[in-house]
Amino acid sequence: MKRQAHQPTLITDAARSQDEQLRSRQVRYIVMMSIRAACLIVGAILVSVNAPLLWLWLPLCAVGMILIPWLAVMLANDGPPKEKHRLSRTHRQGAAPMALPSQPTGRAPGRTIDPEP
């Protein structure tokens, strides 16, 4: 009798738990929103001190204040990639359509009841 080669499961191949994924997304969101707040504060300071090259720094701060919240929400709602076997079930090739026949096979046609006498 031939033994099958058993590949041990590596801990690095295991998926992260839902709580761990949620926690990492929350931390990433807080860090990105803190960067946005820093852009707002730096922009206000640059305007108040009338810094040189204000025409360059102020649009950069504005872009940071506009794009970072959008990216933070997109990344916070992002989950792990789908598994390959879950995707393959939805796109079966050569599968029969899942529709009922127009009339049951091997039976007489059904009665139609007219609501009008």
PDB file of N, CA and C in Angstrom:
ATOM      1  N   MET A   1       0.834  -1.174   0.000  1.00  0.00           N
ATOM      2  CA  MET A   1       0.000   0.000   0.000  1.00  0.00           C
ATOM      3  C   MET A   1       0.886   1.248   0.000  1.00  0.00           C
ATOM      4  N   LYS A   2       0.631   2.153  -0.925  1.00  0.00           N
ATOM      5  CA  LYS A   2       1.440   3.347  -1.086  1.00  0.00           C
ATOM      6  C   LYS A   2       0.851   4.482  -0.242  1.00  0.00           C
ATOM      7  N   ARG A   3       1.691   5.126   0.519  1.00  0.00           N
ATOM      8  CA  ARG A   3       1.228   6.246   1.330  1.00  0.00           C
ATOM      9  C   ARG A   3       1.114   7.493   0.472  1.00  0.00           C
ATOM     10  N   GLN A   4       0.064   8.239   0.705  1.00  0.00           N
ATOM     11  CA  GLN A   4      -0.090   9.501  -0.015  1.00  0.00           C
ATOM     12  C   GLN A   4       0.786  10.552   0.653  1.00  0.00           C
ATOM     13  N   ALA A   5       1.362  11.368  -0.176  1.00  0.00           N
ATOM     14  CA  ALA A   5       2.191  12.445   0.360  1.00  0.00           C
ATOM     15  C   ALA A   5       1.266  13.507   0.940  1.00  0.00           C
ATOM     16  N   HIS A   6       1.403  13.757   2.211  1.00  0.00           N
ATOM     17  CA  HIS A   6       0.560  14.744   2.891  1.00  0.00           C
ATOM     18  C   HIS A   6       1.355  16.026   3.071  1.00  0.00           C
ATOM     19  N   GLN A   7       0.852  17.083   2.522  1.00  0.00           N
ATOM     20  CA  GLN A   7       1.507  18.371   2.673  1.00  0.00           C
ATOM     21  C   GLN A   7       1.012  19.016   3.965  1.00  0.00           C
ATOM     22  N   PRO A   8       1.895  19.354   4.875  1.00  0.00           N
ATOM     23  CA  PRO A   8       1.450  20.002   6.108  1.00  0.00           C
ATOM     24  C   PRO A   8       0.943  21.409   5.816  1.00  0.00           C
ATOM     25  N   THR A   9      -0.032  21.828   6.587  1.00  0.00           N
ATOM     26  CA  THR A   9      -0.565  23.173   6.444  1.00  0.00           C
ATOM     27  C   THR A   9       0.345  24.138   7.174  1.00  0.00           C
ATOM     28  N   LEU A  10       0.811  25.115   6.473  1.00  0.00           N
ATOM     29  CA  LEU A  10       1.683  26.114   7.072  1.00  0.00           C
ATOM     30  C   LEU A  10       0.827  27.198   7.698  1.00  0.00           C
ATOM     31  N   ILE A  11       1.253  27.714   8.817  1.00  0.00           N
ATOM     32  CA  ILE A  11       0.507  28.764   9.488  1.00  0.00           C
ATOM     33  C   ILE A  11       0.490  30.040   8.647  1.00  0.00           C
ATOM     34  N   THR A  12       1.499  30.224   7.807  1.00  0.00           N
ATOM     35  CA  THR A  12       1.521  31.416   6.965  1.00  0.00           C
ATOM     36  C   THR A  12       0.486  31.340   5.855  1.00  0.00           C
ATOM     37  N   ASP A  13      -0.005  30.123   5.546  1.00  0.00           N
ATOM     38  CA  ASP A  13      -1.031  29.970   4.520  1.00  0.00           C
ATOM     39  C   ASP A  13      -2.439  30.153   5.069  1.00  0.00           C
ATOM     40  N   ALA A  14      -2.577  30.174   6.383  1.00  0.00           N
ATOM     41  CA  ALA A  14      -3.901  30.300   6.991  1.00  0.00           C
ATOM     42  C   ALA A  14      -4.427  31.714   6.804  1.00  0.00           C
ATOM     43  N   ALA A  15      -5.731  31.800   6.597  1.00  0.00           N
ATOM     44  CA  ALA A  15      -6.361  33.120   6.434  1.00  0.00           C
ATOM     45  C   ALA A  15      -6.419  33.828   7.786  1.00  0.00           C
ATOM     46  N   ARG A  16      -6.338  35.150   7.740  1.00  0.00           N
ATOM     47  CA  ARG A  16      -6.449  35.929   8.971  1.00  0.00           C
ATOM     48  C   ARG A  16      -7.892  35.901   9.460  1.00  0.00           C
ATOM     49  N   SER A  17      -8.086  35.986  10.746  1.00  0.00           N
ATOM     50  CA  SER A  17      -9.435  35.960  11.305  1.00  0.00           C
ATOM     51  C   SER A  17     -10.177  37.245  10.932  1.00  0.00           C
ATOM     52  N   GLN A  18     -11.505  37.185  11.017  1.00  0.00           N
ATOM     53  CA  GLN A  18     -12.324  38.351  10.679  1.00  0.00           C
ATOM     54  C   GLN A  18     -12.022  39.517  11.622  1.00  0.00           C
ATOM     55  N   ASP A  19     -11.828  39.227  12.900  1.00  0.00           N
ATOM     56  CA  ASP A  19     -11.528  40.288  13.866  1.00  0.00           C
ATOM     57  C   ASP A  19     -10.196  40.960  13.552  1.00  0.00           C
ATOM     58  N   GLU A  20      -9.217  40.167  13.165  1.00  0.00           N
ATOM     59  CA  GLU A  20      -7.905  40.716  12.837  1.00  0.00           C
ATOM     60  C   GLU A  20      -7.972  41.571  11.564  1.00  0.00           C
ATOM     61  N   GLN A  21      -8.726  41.126  10.587  1.00  0.00           N
ATOM     62  CA  GLN A  21      -8.889  41.906   9.357  1.00  0.00           C
ATOM     63  C   GLN A  21      -9.592  43.228   9.647  1.00  0.00           C
ATOM     64  N   LEU A  22     -10.650  43.172  10.455  1.00  0.00           N
ATOM     65  CA  LEU A  22     -11.383  44.383  10.801  1.00  0.00           C
ATOM     66  C   LEU A  22     -10.494  45.361  11.550  1.00  0.00           C
ATOM     67  N   ARG A  23      -9.720  44.853  12.494  1.00  0.00           N
ATOM     68  CA  ARG A  23      -8.831  45.710  13.277  1.00  0.00           C
ATOM     69  C   ARG A  23      -7.793  46.392  12.391  1.00  0.00           C
ATOM     70  N   SER A  24      -7.213  45.659  11.454  1.00  0.00           N
ATOM     71  CA  SER A  24      -6.204  46.270  10.580  1.00  0.00           C
ATOM     72  C   SER A  24      -6.833  47.317   9.669  1.00  0.00           C
ATOM     73  N   ARG A  25      -8.064  47.088   9.210  1.00  0.00           N
ATOM     74  CA  ARG A  25      -8.737  48.096   8.390  1.00  0.00           C
ATOM     75  C   ARG A  25      -9.069  49.339   9.202  1.00  0.00           C
ATOM     76  N   GLN A  26      -9.455  49.155  10.485  1.00  0.00           N
ATOM     77  CA  GLN A  26      -9.745  50.304  11.341  1.00  0.00           C
ATOM     78  C   GLN A  26      -8.493  51.136  11.589  1.00  0.00           C
ATOM     79  N   VAL A  27      -7.381  50.474  11.845  1.00  0.00           N
ATOM     80  CA  VAL A  27      -6.125  51.191  12.085  1.00  0.00           C
ATOM     81  C   VAL A  27      -5.710  51.958  10.829  1.00  0.00           C
ATOM     82  N   ARG A  28      -5.830  51.310   9.666  1.00  0.00           N
ATOM     83  CA  ARG A  28      -5.471  51.973   8.404  1.00  0.00           C
ATOM     84  C   ARG A  28      -6.358  53.202   8.166  1.00  0.00           C
ATOM     85  N   TYR A  29      -7.659  53.091   8.482  1.00  0.00           N
ATOM     86  CA  TYR A  29      -8.593  54.208   8.311  1.00  0.00           C
ATOM     87  C   TYR A  29      -8.209  55.365   9.236  1.00  0.00           C
ATOM     88  N   ILE A  30      -7.903  55.063  10.494  1.00  0.00           N
ATOM     89  CA  ILE A  30      -7.547  56.118  11.446  1.00  0.00           C
ATOM     90  C   ILE A  30      -6.258  56.813  11.031  1.00  0.00           C
ATOM     91  N   VAL A  31      -5.285  56.052  10.553  1.00  0.00           N
ATOM     92  CA  VAL A  31      -4.021  56.652  10.107  1.00  0.00           C
ATOM     93  C   VAL A  31      -4.263  57.573   8.913  1.00  0.00           C
ATOM     94  N   MET A  32      -5.067  57.117   7.957  1.00  0.00           N
ATOM     95  CA  MET A  32      -5.313  57.942   6.764  1.00  0.00           C
ATOM     96  C   MET A  32      -6.100  59.202   7.113  1.00  0.00           C
ATOM     97  N   MET A  33      -7.062  59.098   8.019  1.00  0.00           N
ATOM     98  CA  MET A  33      -7.819  60.291   8.392  1.00  0.00           C
ATOM     99  C   MET A  33      -6.957  61.238   9.230  1.00  0.00           C
ATOM    100  N   SER A  34      -5.977  60.717   9.964  1.00  0.00           N
ATOM    101  CA  SER A  34      -5.039  61.576  10.686  1.00  0.00           C
ATOM    102  C   SER A  34      -4.158  62.348   9.706  1.00  0.00           C
ATOM    103  N   ILE A  35      -3.763  61.699   8.625  1.00  0.00           N
ATOM    104  CA  ILE A  35      -2.986  62.390   7.581  1.00  0.00           C
ATOM    105  C   ILE A  35      -3.833  63.494   6.955  1.00  0.00           C
ATOM    106  N   ARG A  36      -5.115  63.227   6.771  1.00  0.00           N
ATOM    107  CA  ARG A  36      -6.011  64.252   6.224  1.00  0.00           C
ATOM    108  C   ARG A  36      -6.096  65.451   7.169  1.00  0.00           C
ATOM    109  N   ALA A  37      -6.237  65.182   8.465  1.00  0.00           N
ATOM    110  CA  ALA A  37      -6.286  66.270   9.441  1.00  0.00           C
ATOM    111  C   ALA A  37      -4.975  67.053   9.434  1.00  0.00           C
ATOM    112  N   ALA A  38      -3.857  66.364   9.287  1.00  0.00           N
ATOM    113  CA  ALA A  38      -2.559  67.039   9.225  1.00  0.00           C
ATOM    114  C   ALA A  38      -2.484  67.941   7.992  1.00  0.00           C
ATOM    115  N   CYS A  39      -3.037  67.469   6.860  1.00  0.00           N
ATOM    116  CA  CYS A  39      -3.055  68.310   5.650  1.00  0.00           C
ATOM    117  C   CYS A  39      -3.868  69.580   5.889  1.00  0.00           C
ATOM    118  N   LEU A  40      -4.978  69.465   6.600  1.00  0.00           N
ATOM    119  CA  LEU A  40      -5.821  70.625   6.898  1.00  0.00           C
ATOM    120  C   LEU A  40      -5.066  71.608   7.792  1.00  0.00           C
ATOM    121  N   ILE A  41      -4.410  71.097   8.815  1.00  0.00           N
ATOM    122  CA  ILE A  41      -3.683  71.969   9.742  1.00  0.00           C
ATOM    123  C   ILE A  41      -2.499  72.627   9.047  1.00  0.00           C
ATOM    124  N   VAL A  42      -1.747  71.859   8.261  1.00  0.00           N
ATOM    125  CA  VAL A  42      -0.600  72.424   7.533  1.00  0.00           C
ATOM    126  C   VAL A  42      -1.065  73.483   6.538  1.00  0.00           C
ATOM    127  N   GLY A  43      -2.177  73.229   5.840  1.00  0.00           N
ATOM    128  CA  GLY A  43      -2.710  74.224   4.903  1.00  0.00           C
ATOM    129  C   GLY A  43      -3.101  75.509   5.606  1.00  0.00           C
ATOM    130  N   ALA A  44      -3.736  75.403   6.777  1.00  0.00           N
ATOM    131  CA  ALA A  44      -4.123  76.599   7.531  1.00  0.00           C
ATOM    132  C   ALA A  44      -2.894  77.363   8.019  1.00  0.00           C
ATOM    133  N   ILE A  45      -1.885  76.636   8.460  1.00  0.00           N
ATOM    134  CA  ILE A  45      -0.655  77.303   8.920  1.00  0.00           C
ATOM    135  C   ILE A  45       0.036  77.993   7.756  1.00  0.00           C
ATOM    136  N   LEU A  46       0.105  77.354   6.598  1.00  0.00           N
ATOM    137  CA  LEU A  46       0.754  77.965   5.426  1.00  0.00           C
ATOM    138  C   LEU A  46       0.048  79.245   4.994  1.00  0.00           C
ATOM    139  N   VAL A  47      -1.269  79.244   5.053  1.00  0.00           N
ATOM    140  CA  VAL A  47      -2.019  80.441   4.669  1.00  0.00           C
ATOM    141  C   VAL A  47      -1.798  81.551   5.692  1.00  0.00           C
ATOM    142  N   SER A  48      -1.768  81.205   6.976  1.00  0.00           N
ATOM    143  CA  SER A  48      -1.649  82.249   8.006  1.00  0.00           C
ATOM    144  C   SER A  48      -0.261  82.892   8.028  1.00  0.00           C
ATOM    145  N   VAL A  49       0.791  82.136   7.694  1.00  0.00           N
ATOM    146  CA  VAL A  49       2.137  82.727   7.714  1.00  0.00           C
ATOM    147  C   VAL A  49       2.551  83.243   6.340  1.00  0.00           C
ATOM    148  N   ASN A  50       1.688  83.074   5.343  1.00  0.00           N
ATOM    149  CA  ASN A  50       1.977  83.534   3.982  1.00  0.00           C
ATOM    150  C   ASN A  50       3.315  82.960   3.501  1.00  0.00           C
ATOM    151  N   ALA A  51       3.394  81.649   3.492  1.00  0.00           N
ATOM    152  CA  ALA A  51       4.613  80.916   3.167  1.00  0.00           C
ATOM    153  C   ALA A  51       5.004  81.117   1.704  1.00  0.00           C
ATOM    154  N   PRO A  52       6.314  81.009   1.411  1.00  0.00           N
ATOM    155  CA  PRO A  52       6.733  81.060   0.009  1.00  0.00           C
ATOM    156  C   PRO A  52       6.249  79.802  -0.719  1.00  0.00           C
ATOM    157  N   LEU A  53       6.029  79.931  -1.990  1.00  0.00           N
ATOM    158  CA  LEU A  53       5.497  78.852  -2.836  1.00  0.00           C
ATOM    159  C   LEU A  53       4.132  78.364  -2.350  1.00  0.00           C
ATOM    160  N   LEU A  54       3.333  79.283  -1.860  1.00  0.00           N
ATOM    161  CA  LEU A  54       1.992  78.937  -1.375  1.00  0.00           C
ATOM    162  C   LEU A  54       1.150  78.364  -2.495  1.00  0.00           C
ATOM    163  N   TRP A  55       1.354  78.844  -3.716  1.00  0.00           N
ATOM    164  CA  TRP A  55       0.608  78.353  -4.872  1.00  0.00           C
ATOM    165  C   TRP A  55       0.889  76.871  -5.141  1.00  0.00           C
ATOM    166  N   LEU A  56       2.004  76.339  -4.636  1.00  0.00           N
ATOM    167  CA  LEU A  56       2.343  74.927  -4.802  1.00  0.00           C
ATOM    168  C   LEU A  56       1.858  74.083  -3.627  1.00  0.00           C
ATOM    169  N   TRP A  57       2.078  74.560  -2.408  1.00  0.00           N
ATOM    170  CA  TRP A  57       1.773  73.762  -1.219  1.00  0.00           C
ATOM    171  C   TRP A  57       0.276  73.677  -0.931  1.00  0.00           C
ATOM    172  N   LEU A  58      -0.442  74.750  -1.175  1.00  0.00           N
ATOM    173  CA  LEU A  58      -1.872  74.757  -0.865  1.00  0.00           C
ATOM    174  C   LEU A  58      -2.667  73.772  -1.720  1.00  0.00           C
ATOM    175  N   PRO A  59      -2.436  73.699  -3.043  1.00  0.00           N
ATOM    176  CA  PRO A  59      -3.147  72.661  -3.821  1.00  0.00           C
ATOM    177  C   PRO A  59      -2.763  71.235  -3.398  1.00  0.00           C
ATOM    178  N   LEU A  60      -1.510  71.019  -3.007  1.00  0.00           N
ATOM    179  CA  LEU A  60      -1.117  69.685  -2.538  1.00  0.00           C
ATOM    180  C   LEU A  60      -1.870  69.305  -1.265  1.00  0.00           C
ATOM    181  N   CYS A  61      -2.017  70.268  -0.364  1.00  0.00           N
ATOM    182  CA  CYS A  61      -2.790  69.999   0.853  1.00  0.00           C
ATOM    183  C   CYS A  61      -4.253  69.762   0.513  1.00  0.00           C
ATOM    184  N   ALA A  62      -4.790  70.522  -0.432  1.00  0.00           N
ATOM    185  CA  ALA A  62      -6.199  70.358  -0.821  1.00  0.00           C
ATOM    186  C   ALA A  62      -6.429  68.993  -1.463  1.00  0.00           C
ATOM    187  N   VAL A  63      -5.513  68.559  -2.300  1.00  0.00           N
ATOM    188  CA  VAL A  63      -5.644  67.237  -2.928  1.00  0.00           C
ATOM    189  C   VAL A  63      -5.611  66.154  -1.852  1.00  0.00           C
ATOM    190  N   GLY A  64      -4.721  66.320  -0.858  1.00  0.00           N
ATOM    191  CA  GLY A  64      -4.663  65.367   0.245  1.00  0.00           C
ATOM    192  C   GLY A  64      -5.954  65.340   1.040  1.00  0.00           C
ATOM    193  N   MET A  65      -6.558  66.512   1.251  1.00  0.00           N
ATOM    194  CA  MET A  65      -7.809  66.571   2.017  1.00  0.00           C
ATOM    195  C   MET A  65      -8.989  66.007   1.239  1.00  0.00           C
ATOM    196  N   ILE A  66      -8.916  66.006  -0.080  1.00  0.00           N
ATOM    197  CA  ILE A  66     -10.032  65.512  -0.895  1.00  0.00           C
ATOM    198  C   ILE A  66      -9.870  64.028  -1.210  1.00  0.00           C
ATOM    199  N   LEU A  67      -8.692  63.598  -1.604  1.00  0.00           N
ATOM    200  CA  LEU A  67      -8.493  62.208  -2.019  1.00  0.00           C
ATOM    201  C   LEU A  67      -8.342  61.221  -0.863  1.00  0.00           C
ATOM    202  N   ILE A  68      -7.722  61.641   0.212  1.00  0.00           N
ATOM    203  CA  ILE A  68      -7.460  60.706   1.306  1.00  0.00           C
ATOM    204  C   ILE A  68      -8.746  60.164   1.936  1.00  0.00           C
ATOM    205  N   PRO A  69      -9.786  60.961   2.189  1.00  0.00           N
ATOM    206  CA  PRO A  69     -11.012  60.354   2.756  1.00  0.00           C
ATOM    207  C   PRO A  69     -11.636  59.324   1.825  1.00  0.00           C
ATOM    208  N   TRP A  70     -11.635  59.597   0.549  1.00  0.00           N
ATOM    209  CA  TRP A  70     -12.199  58.650  -0.421  1.00  0.00           C
ATOM    210  C   TRP A  70     -11.408  57.334  -0.388  1.00  0.00           C
ATOM    211  N   LEU A  71     -10.080  57.450  -0.417  1.00  0.00           N
ATOM    212  CA  LEU A  71      -9.248  56.251  -0.364  1.00  0.00           C
ATOM    213  C   LEU A  71      -9.397  55.518   0.965  1.00  0.00           C
ATOM    214  N   ALA A  72      -9.535  56.268   2.058  1.00  0.00           N
ATOM    215  CA  ALA A  72      -9.683  55.641   3.371  1.00  0.00           C
ATOM    216  C   ALA A  72     -10.955  54.808   3.440  1.00  0.00           C
ATOM    217  N   VAL A  73     -12.049  55.331   2.910  1.00  0.00           N
ATOM    218  CA  VAL A  73     -13.310  54.578   2.925  1.00  0.00           C
ATOM    219  C   VAL A  73     -13.215  53.362   2.015  1.00  0.00           C
ATOM    220  N   MET A  74     -12.620  53.527   0.847  1.00  0.00           N
ATOM    221  CA  MET A  74     -12.490  52.394  -0.074  1.00  0.00           C
ATOM    222  C   MET A  74     -11.648  51.275   0.541  1.00  0.00           C
ATOM    223  N   LEU A  75     -10.555  51.622   1.180  1.00  0.00           N
ATOM    224  CA  LEU A  75      -9.690  50.611   1.779  1.00  0.00           C
ATOM    225  C   LEU A  75     -10.291  50.020   3.051  1.00  0.00           C
ATOM    226  N   ALA A  76     -11.070  50.811   3.788  1.00  0.00           N
ATOM    227  CA  ALA A  76     -11.699  50.289   5.003  1.00  0.00           C
ATOM    228  C   ALA A  76     -12.789  49.276   4.665  1.00  0.00           C
ATOM    229  N   ASN A  77     -13.445  49.440   3.539  1.00  0.00           N
ATOM    230  CA  ASN A  77     -14.507  48.516   3.137  1.00  0.00           C
ATOM    231  C   ASN A  77     -13.978  47.338   2.333  1.00  0.00           C
ATOM    232  N   ASP A  78     -12.710  47.353   2.020  1.00  0.00           N
ATOM    233  CA  ASP A  78     -12.123  46.287   1.213  1.00  0.00           C
ATOM    234  C   ASP A  78     -11.904  45.050   2.067  1.00  0.00           C
ATOM    235  N   GLY A  79     -12.242  43.903   1.523  1.00  0.00           N
ATOM    236  CA  GLY A  79     -12.036  42.646   2.234  1.00  0.00           C
ATOM    237  C   GLY A  79     -10.949  41.832   1.580  1.00  0.00           C
ATOM    238  N   PRO A  80     -10.716  40.643   2.096  1.00  0.00           N
ATOM    239  CA  PRO A  80      -9.706  39.791   1.480  1.00  0.00           C
ATOM    240  C   PRO A  80     -10.167  39.311   0.115  1.00  0.00           C
ATOM    241  N   PRO A  81      -9.245  38.921  -0.767  1.00  0.00           N
ATOM    242  CA  PRO A  81      -9.650  38.439  -2.084  1.00  0.00           C
ATOM    243  C   PRO A  81     -10.474  37.165  -1.984  1.00  0.00           C
ATOM    244  N   LYS A  82     -11.364  36.982  -2.935  1.00  0.00           N
ATOM    245  CA  LYS A  82     -12.223  35.796  -2.962  1.00  0.00           C
ATOM    246  C   LYS A  82     -11.388  34.565  -3.265  1.00  0.00           C
ATOM    247  N   GLU A  83     -11.847  33.443  -2.742  1.00  0.00           N
ATOM    248  CA  GLU A  83     -11.159  32.189  -2.997  1.00  0.00           C
ATOM    249  C   GLU A  83     -11.451  31.725  -4.417  1.00  0.00           C
ATOM    250  N   LYS A  84     -10.522  30.983  -5.000  1.00  0.00           N
ATOM    251  CA  LYS A  84     -10.665  30.555  -6.396  1.00  0.00           C
ATOM    252  C   LYS A  84     -11.857  29.630  -6.585  1.00  0.00           C
ATOM    253  N   HIS A  85     -12.086  28.721  -5.642  1.00  0.00           N
ATOM    254  CA  HIS A  85     -13.182  27.768  -5.832  1.00  0.00           C
ATOM    255  C   HIS A  85     -14.535  28.445  -5.704  1.00  0.00           C
ATOM    256  N   ARG A  86     -14.626  29.566  -4.975  1.00  0.00           N
ATOM    257  CA  ARG A  86     -15.896  30.276  -4.881  1.00  0.00           C
ATOM    258  C   ARG A  86     -16.223  30.964  -6.198  1.00  0.00           C
ATOM    259  N   LEU A  87     -15.204  31.450  -6.889  1.00  0.00           N
ATOM    260  CA  LEU A  87     -15.434  32.117  -8.166  1.00  0.00           C
ATOM    261  C   LEU A  87     -15.759  31.119  -9.268  1.00  0.00           C
ATOM    262  N   SER A  88     -15.190  29.925  -9.206  1.00  0.00           N
ATOM    263  CA  SER A  88     -15.397  28.965 -10.285  1.00  0.00           C
ATOM    264  C   SER A  88     -16.817  28.412 -10.285  1.00  0.00           C
ATOM    265  N   ARG A  89     -17.503  28.427  -9.140  1.00  0.00           N
ATOM    266  CA  ARG A  89     -18.875  27.924  -9.096  1.00  0.00           C
ATOM    267  C   ARG A  89     -19.841  28.828  -9.847  1.00  0.00           C
ATOM    268  N   THR A  90     -19.562  30.117  -9.875  1.00  0.00           N
ATOM    269  CA  THR A  90     -20.500  31.038 -10.499  1.00  0.00           C
ATOM    270  C   THR A  90     -20.407  31.020 -12.020  1.00  0.00           C
ATOM    271  N   HIS A  91     -19.307  30.578 -12.571  1.00  0.00           N
ATOM    272  CA  HIS A  91     -19.109  30.595 -14.019  1.00  0.00           C
ATOM    273  C   HIS A  91     -18.886  29.187 -14.542  1.00  0.00           C
ATOM    274  N   ARG A  92     -19.867  28.327 -14.363  1.00  0.00           N
ATOM    275  CA  ARG A  92     -19.749  26.969 -14.880  1.00  0.00           C
ATOM    276  C   ARG A  92     -19.979  26.983 -16.378  1.00  0.00           C
ATOM    277  N   GLN A  93     -19.109  26.360 -17.080  1.00  0.00           N
ATOM    278  CA  GLN A  93     -19.272  26.283 -18.523  1.00  0.00           C
ATOM    279  C   GLN A  93     -19.930  24.958 -18.878  1.00  0.00           C
ATOM    280  N   GLY A  94     -20.861  24.985 -19.803  1.00  0.00           N
ATOM    281  CA  GLY A  94     -21.517  23.778 -20.256  1.00  0.00           C
ATOM    282  C   GLY A  94     -22.609  23.307 -19.315  1.00  0.00           C
ATOM    283  N   ALA A  95     -22.970  24.090 -18.331  1.00  0.00           N
ATOM    284  CA  ALA A  95     -24.013  23.698 -17.398  1.00  0.00           C
ATOM    285  C   ALA A  95     -25.378  23.930 -18.049  1.00  0.00           C
ATOM    286  N   ALA A  96     -26.301  23.063 -17.731  1.00  0.00           N
ATOM    287  CA  ALA A  96     -27.656  23.182 -18.274  1.00  0.00           C
ATOM    288  C   ALA A  96     -28.346  24.380 -17.634  1.00  0.00           C
ATOM    289  N   PRO A  97     -29.223  25.039 -18.370  1.00  0.00           N
ATOM    290  CA  PRO A  97     -29.939  26.168 -17.791  1.00  0.00           C
ATOM    291  C   PRO A  97     -30.858  25.687 -16.666  1.00  0.00           C
ATOM    292  N   MET A  98     -31.036  26.525 -15.679  1.00  0.00           N
ATOM    293  CA  MET A  98     -31.814  26.163 -14.509  1.00  0.00           C
ATOM    294  C   MET A  98     -33.263  26.640 -14.661  1.00  0.00           C
ATOM    295  N   ALA A  99     -33.923  26.314 -15.772  1.00  0.00           N
ATOM    296  CA  ALA A  99     -35.305  26.727 -16.003  1.00  0.00           C
ATOM    297  C   ALA A  99     -36.214  25.511 -15.978  1.00  0.00           C
ATOM    298  N   LEU A 100     -37.440  25.732 -15.571  1.00  0.00           N
ATOM    299  CA  LEU A 100     -38.423  24.657 -15.568  1.00  0.00           C
ATOM    300  C   LEU A 100     -38.969  24.462 -16.981  1.00  0.00           C
ATOM    301  N   PRO A 101     -39.325  23.227 -17.340  1.00  0.00           N
ATOM    302  CA  PRO A 101     -39.934  23.023 -18.655  1.00  0.00           C
ATOM    303  C   PRO A 101     -41.305  23.679 -18.701  1.00  0.00           C
ATOM    304  N   SER A 102     -41.763  23.985 -19.919  1.00  0.00           N
ATOM    305  CA  SER A 102     -43.046  24.667 -20.052  1.00  0.00           C
ATOM    306  C   SER A 102     -44.194  23.786 -19.593  1.00  0.00           C
ATOM    307  N   GLN A 103     -44.070  22.477 -19.755  1.00  0.00           N
ATOM    308  CA  GLN A 103     -45.115  21.560 -19.311  1.00  0.00           C
ATOM    309  C   GLN A 103     -44.435  20.340 -18.696  1.00  0.00           C
ATOM    310  N   PRO A 104     -44.955  19.855 -17.575  1.00  0.00           N
ATOM    311  CA  PRO A 104     -44.317  18.693 -16.967  1.00  0.00           C
ATOM    312  C   PRO A 104     -44.335  17.511 -17.917  1.00  0.00           C
ATOM    313  N   THR A 105     -43.260  16.749 -17.932  1.00  0.00           N
ATOM    314  CA  THR A 105     -43.176  15.595 -18.817  1.00  0.00           C
ATOM    315  C   THR A 105     -43.897  14.407 -18.208  1.00  0.00           C
ATOM    316  N   GLY A 106     -44.595  13.644 -19.029  1.00  0.00           N
ATOM    317  CA  GLY A 106     -45.262  12.441 -18.584  1.00  0.00           C
ATOM    318  C   GLY A 106     -46.590  12.695 -17.894  1.00  0.00           C
ATOM    319  N   ARG A 107     -47.121  13.885 -17.964  1.00  0.00           N
ATOM    320  CA  ARG A 107     -48.394  14.213 -17.331  1.00  0.00           C
ATOM    321  C   ARG A 107     -49.333  14.818 -18.361  1.00  0.00           C
ATOM    322  N   ALA A 108     -50.568  14.778 -18.026  1.00  0.00           N
ATOM    323  CA  ALA A 108     -51.578  15.427 -18.874  1.00  0.00           C
ATOM    324  C   ALA A 108     -51.508  16.925 -18.618  1.00  0.00           C
ATOM    325  N   PRO A 109     -51.924  17.724 -19.615  1.00  0.00           N
ATOM    326  CA  PRO A 109     -51.901  19.172 -19.403  1.00  0.00           C
ATOM    327  C   PRO A 109     -52.776  19.543 -18.206  1.00  0.00           C
ATOM    328  N   GLY A 110     -52.340  20.558 -17.466  1.00  0.00           N
ATOM    329  CA  GLY A 110     -53.078  20.988 -16.278  1.00  0.00           C
ATOM    330  C   GLY A 110     -54.362  21.710 -16.623  1.00  0.00           C
ATOM    331  N   ARG A 111     -55.271  21.774 -15.651  1.00  0.00           N
ATOM    332  CA  ARG A 111     -56.546  22.475 -15.850  1.00  0.00           C
ATOM    333  C   ARG A 111     -56.336  23.958 -15.664  1.00  0.00           C
ATOM    334  N   THR A 112     -57.045  24.734 -16.451  1.00  0.00           N
ATOM    335  CA  THR A 112     -57.043  26.169 -16.295  1.00  0.00           C
ATOM    336  C   THR A 112     -58.373  26.561 -15.678  1.00  0.00           C
ATOM    337  N   ILE A 113     -58.324  27.286 -14.593  1.00  0.00           N
ATOM    338  CA  ILE A 113     -59.552  27.695 -13.926  1.00  0.00           C
ATOM    339  C   ILE A 113     -59.816  29.132 -14.303  1.00  0.00           C
ATOM    340  N   ASP A 114     -60.981  29.365 -14.864  1.00  0.00           N
ATOM    341  CA  ASP A 114     -61.401  30.698 -15.278  1.00  0.00           C
ATOM    342  C   ASP A 114     -62.152  31.359 -14.154  1.00  0.00           C
ATOM    343  N   PRO A 115     -61.772  32.558 -13.744  1.00  0.00           N
ATOM    344  CA  PRO A 115     -62.471  33.210 -12.627  1.00  0.00           C
ATOM    345  C   PRO A 115     -63.870  33.685 -13.022  1.00  0.00           C
ATOM    346  N   GLU A 116     -64.132  33.868 -14.293  1.00  0.00           N
ATOM    347  CA  GLU A 116     -65.453  34.309 -14.778  1.00  0.00           C
ATOM    348  C   GLU A 116     -66.325  33.092 -15.004  1.00  0.00           C
ATOM    349  N   PRO A 117     -67.596  33.094 -14.535  1.00  0.00           N
ATOM    350  CA  PRO A 117     -68.477  31.948 -14.794  1.00  0.00           C
ATOM    351  C   PRO A 117     -68.980  31.885 -16.208  1.00  0.00           C
TER     352      PRO A 117
END
